[in-house]
Protein backbone atom coordinates (compact mmCIF):
# COMPACT_ATOMS: atom_id res chain seq x y z
CA UNK A 1 3.56 -32.75 -2.66
CA UNK A 2 4.36 -32.64 -6.54
CA UNK A 3 7.04 -30.35 -7.94
CA UNK A 4 5.04 -27.42 -8.87
CA UNK A 5 7.14 -26.13 -11.83
CA UNK A 6 6.57 -29.32 -13.65
CA UNK A 7 2.81 -29.48 -13.34
CA UNK A 8 1.34 -29.45 -16.72
CA UNK A 9 0.98 -26.05 -18.39
CA UNK A 10 -2.51 -27.05 -19.61
CA UNK A 11 -5.31 -29.05 -17.89
CA UNK A 12 -6.78 -32.17 -19.33
CA UNK A 13 -9.47 -29.77 -20.52
CA UNK A 14 -7.02 -27.75 -22.44
CA UNK A 15 -7.28 -24.78 -20.14
CA UNK A 16 -4.25 -22.81 -18.99
CA UNK A 17 -3.00 -23.44 -15.42
CA UNK A 18 -1.82 -21.02 -12.76
CA UNK A 19 -0.03 -21.80 -9.56
CA UNK A 20 -0.73 -19.04 -6.99
CA UNK A 21 2.51 -17.87 -5.09
CA UNK A 22 1.13 -14.62 -3.54
CA UNK A 23 -2.74 -14.31 -2.61
CA UNK A 24 -4.37 -11.06 -3.79
CA UNK A 25 -4.29 -8.58 -0.74
CA UNK A 26 -1.11 -9.79 0.80
CA UNK A 27 2.45 -8.44 1.00
CA UNK A 28 4.74 -11.41 1.85
CA UNK A 29 6.61 -12.35 -1.33
CA UNK A 30 6.79 -16.05 -1.86
CA UNK A 31 8.59 -17.63 -5.00
CA UNK A 32 9.08 -21.21 -6.29
CA UNK A 33 12.14 -22.96 -5.16
CA UNK A 34 13.06 -24.33 -8.46
CA UNK A 35 15.17 -27.20 -6.97
CA UNK A 36 12.53 -28.60 -4.47
CA UNK A 37 9.45 -27.44 -6.50
CA UNK A 38 7.86 -25.96 -3.18
CA UNK A 39 6.90 -22.37 -2.56
CA UNK A 40 9.31 -20.44 -0.18
CA UNK A 41 9.56 -17.08 1.20
CA UNK A 42 11.53 -14.81 -0.93
CA UNK A 43 14.74 -13.76 0.75
CA UNK A 44 16.35 -10.38 0.25
CA UNK A 45 19.51 -9.51 2.50
CA UNK A 46 18.92 -12.53 4.63
CA UNK A 47 15.37 -11.74 5.64
CA UNK A 48 11.95 -12.73 4.31
CA UNK A 49 10.77 -10.15 1.69
CA UNK A 50 7.77 -8.12 2.58
CA UNK A 51 6.69 -5.68 -0.14
CA UNK A 52 6.45 -2.43 1.82
CA UNK A 53 4.06 -1.02 -0.48
CA UNK A 54 0.45 -1.61 -1.24
CA UNK A 55 -0.79 -5.33 -1.06
CA UNK A 56 -0.78 -7.36 -4.38
CA UNK A 57 -3.97 -6.22 -6.17
CA UNK A 58 -4.12 -9.54 -7.98
CA UNK A 59 -3.30 -13.10 -7.18
CA UNK A 60 0.42 -13.44 -8.41
CA UNK A 61 1.70 -16.69 -9.50
CA UNK A 62 3.32 -18.57 -12.37
CA UNK A 63 2.49 -20.84 -15.36
CA UNK A 64 3.73 -24.26 -14.70
CA UNK A 65 6.27 -25.92 -17.00
CA UNK A 66 7.48 -22.60 -18.22
CA UNK A 67 10.81 -21.08 -17.70
CA UNK A 68 11.97 -17.56 -18.96
CA UNK A 69 15.54 -18.61 -19.88
CA UNK A 70 18.09 -16.00 -19.28
CA UNK A 71 20.09 -16.95 -22.41
CA UNK A 72 16.92 -15.77 -24.36
CA UNK A 73 16.43 -12.64 -22.35
CA UNK A 74 14.20 -13.90 -19.55
CA UNK A 75 14.68 -13.56 -15.77
CA UNK A 76 15.32 -17.23 -15.06
CA UNK A 77 11.99 -17.81 -13.42
CA UNK A 78 8.65 -19.38 -14.74
CA UNK A 79 6.40 -17.05 -16.59
CA UNK A 80 4.38 -14.98 -14.24
CA UNK A 81 0.59 -14.88 -14.25
CA UNK A 82 -1.64 -12.22 -12.72
CA UNK A 83 -5.18 -13.79 -11.85
CA UNK A 84 -8.07 -11.40 -11.52
CA UNK A 85 -10.04 -13.12 -8.66
CA UNK A 86 -10.62 -12.87 -4.90
CA UNK A 87 -7.74 -14.05 -2.84
CA UNK A 88 -6.80 -17.68 -3.59
CA UNK A 89 -4.75 -19.92 -1.21
CA UNK A 90 -1.00 -19.91 -1.73
CA UNK A 91 -0.17 -23.16 -3.76
CA UNK A 92 -3.55 -23.41 -5.39
CA UNK A 93 -3.69 -24.40 -8.90
CA UNK A 94 -6.39 -22.79 -11.02
CA UNK A 95 -7.55 -23.15 -14.41
CA UNK A 96 -7.44 -19.77 -16.12
CA UNK A 97 -8.20 -18.07 -19.29
CA UNK A 98 -5.47 -15.48 -20.49
CA UNK A 99 -6.95 -12.19 -21.49
CA UNK A 100 -3.89 -10.21 -22.13
CA UNK A 101 -0.10 -9.82 -21.54
CA UNK A 102 1.80 -7.03 -19.48
CA UNK A 103 5.16 -6.48 -21.05
CA UNK A 104 7.80 -5.56 -18.41
CA UNK A 105 11.68 -5.23 -18.17
CA UNK A 106 13.14 -6.02 -14.69
CA UNK A 107 16.64 -4.45 -15.01
CA UNK A 108 17.67 -5.85 -18.30
CA UNK A 109 15.69 -9.05 -18.27
CA UNK A 110 12.23 -9.59 -19.58
CA UNK A 111 9.56 -10.07 -16.90
CA UNK A 112 6.29 -10.38 -18.71
CA UNK A 113 3.19 -11.31 -16.95
CA UNK A 114 0.11 -13.22 -18.39
CA UNK A 115 -3.19 -11.44 -17.25
CA UNK A 116 -5.90 -14.01 -16.53
CA UNK A 117 -9.29 -14.72 -14.96
CA UNK A 118 -10.34 -18.15 -13.65
CA UNK A 119 -12.21 -20.33 -15.96
CA UNK A 120 -14.53 -21.06 -13.13
CA UNK A 121 -17.21 -18.20 -13.36
CA UNK A 122 -17.93 -18.36 -9.64
CA UNK A 123 -14.32 -17.25 -9.06
CA UNK A 124 -14.36 -14.40 -11.41
CA UNK A 125 -14.51 -10.88 -10.23
CA UNK A 126 -14.36 -9.36 -13.72
CA UNK A 127 -16.39 -11.41 -16.38
CA UNK A 128 -14.24 -10.97 -19.38
CA UNK A 129 -12.87 -13.37 -21.95
CA UNK A 130 -10.95 -11.21 -24.19
CA UNK A 131 -8.42 -8.21 -24.29
CA UNK A 132 -10.93 -6.18 -26.27
CA UNK A 133 -13.75 -6.38 -23.65
CA UNK A 134 -11.27 -5.92 -20.93
CA UNK A 135 -10.00 -2.67 -22.44
CA UNK A 136 -13.57 -1.53 -23.05
CA UNK A 137 -14.91 -2.21 -19.62
CA UNK A 138 -12.04 -2.52 -17.20
CA UNK A 139 -9.22 -0.49 -18.48
CA UNK A 140 -8.63 1.21 -15.16
CA UNK A 141 -7.54 -2.22 -13.98
CA UNK A 142 -4.61 -1.99 -16.58
CA UNK A 143 -3.57 1.44 -15.11
CA UNK A 144 -3.70 0.06 -11.42
CA UNK A 145 -1.42 -2.80 -12.45
CA UNK A 146 0.91 -0.67 -14.31
CA UNK A 147 1.44 1.71 -11.21
CA UNK A 148 1.70 -1.27 -8.83
CA UNK A 149 4.61 -2.92 -10.74
CA UNK A 150 6.14 0.43 -11.48
CA UNK A 151 6.65 1.31 -7.88
CA UNK A 152 6.23 -2.00 -5.68
CA UNK A 153 10.08 -2.73 -5.91
CA UNK A 154 11.14 1.07 -5.96
CA UNK A 155 10.92 3.49 -8.75
CA UNK A 156 13.25 2.66 -11.75
CA UNK A 157 13.42 -1.11 -11.14
CA UNK A 158 10.58 -2.18 -13.47
CA UNK A 159 9.99 -0.70 -16.96
CA UNK A 160 6.52 -1.14 -18.36
CA UNK A 161 6.84 -1.73 -22.16
CA UNK A 162 3.07 -1.97 -23.04
CA UNK A 163 0.41 -4.61 -23.32
CA UNK A 164 -0.80 -7.26 -25.71
CA UNK A 165 -3.88 -9.25 -26.23
CA UNK A 166 -4.88 -12.87 -25.24
CA UNK A 167 -3.30 -14.27 -28.42
CA UNK A 168 0.17 -12.86 -27.41
CA UNK A 169 -0.17 -14.22 -24.07
CA UNK A 170 -0.77 -17.65 -25.39
CA UNK A 171 2.26 -17.36 -27.72
CA UNK A 172 4.28 -16.05 -24.75
CA UNK A 173 3.21 -19.27 -22.84
CA UNK A 174 4.50 -21.47 -25.78
CA UNK A 175 7.61 -19.47 -26.19
CA UNK A 176 8.83 -20.24 -22.61
CA UNK A 177 7.44 -23.84 -22.30
CA UNK A 178 9.68 -26.46 -21.04
CA UNK A 179 9.48 -30.31 -20.79
CA UNK A 180 9.65 -31.96 -17.35
CA UNK A 181 13.00 -33.77 -16.57
């Protein structure tokens, strides 16, 4: 299996790629092992981490070949992505269209999340292609995501800092992009 962190950020067609770590509707937290490049259960206090809150309302994953460097204020992990689609298998790689950027702080570290929809219209559950349309037609989803991330790891851990549009999302991807070794 390829090292998931170093897959291309963009597909051959120029679409942003997303690797799914946690399928929508599940509670078991998986994360990328940056050494092996494989997905492993997230461990906390010696046990596999299960979010004892609502299941993830979206597919949660990361943008390959990105790393939010701690020296620049990031959390040391790849840039997160939230994919609005029915549950996708863990480890799947999807071509996605960024439609927004959720700005979060986890403790003292930036933990921004790109909001995206699949490029494949058959996988889309919300047929939007821009932040403006998303805001006009589906703003309630923004509120659900804010509440989920505000409470999923305990109140006071995550600090919402607002939202930005699809252009800011692409700039965020470029900011944290890395080259494979």
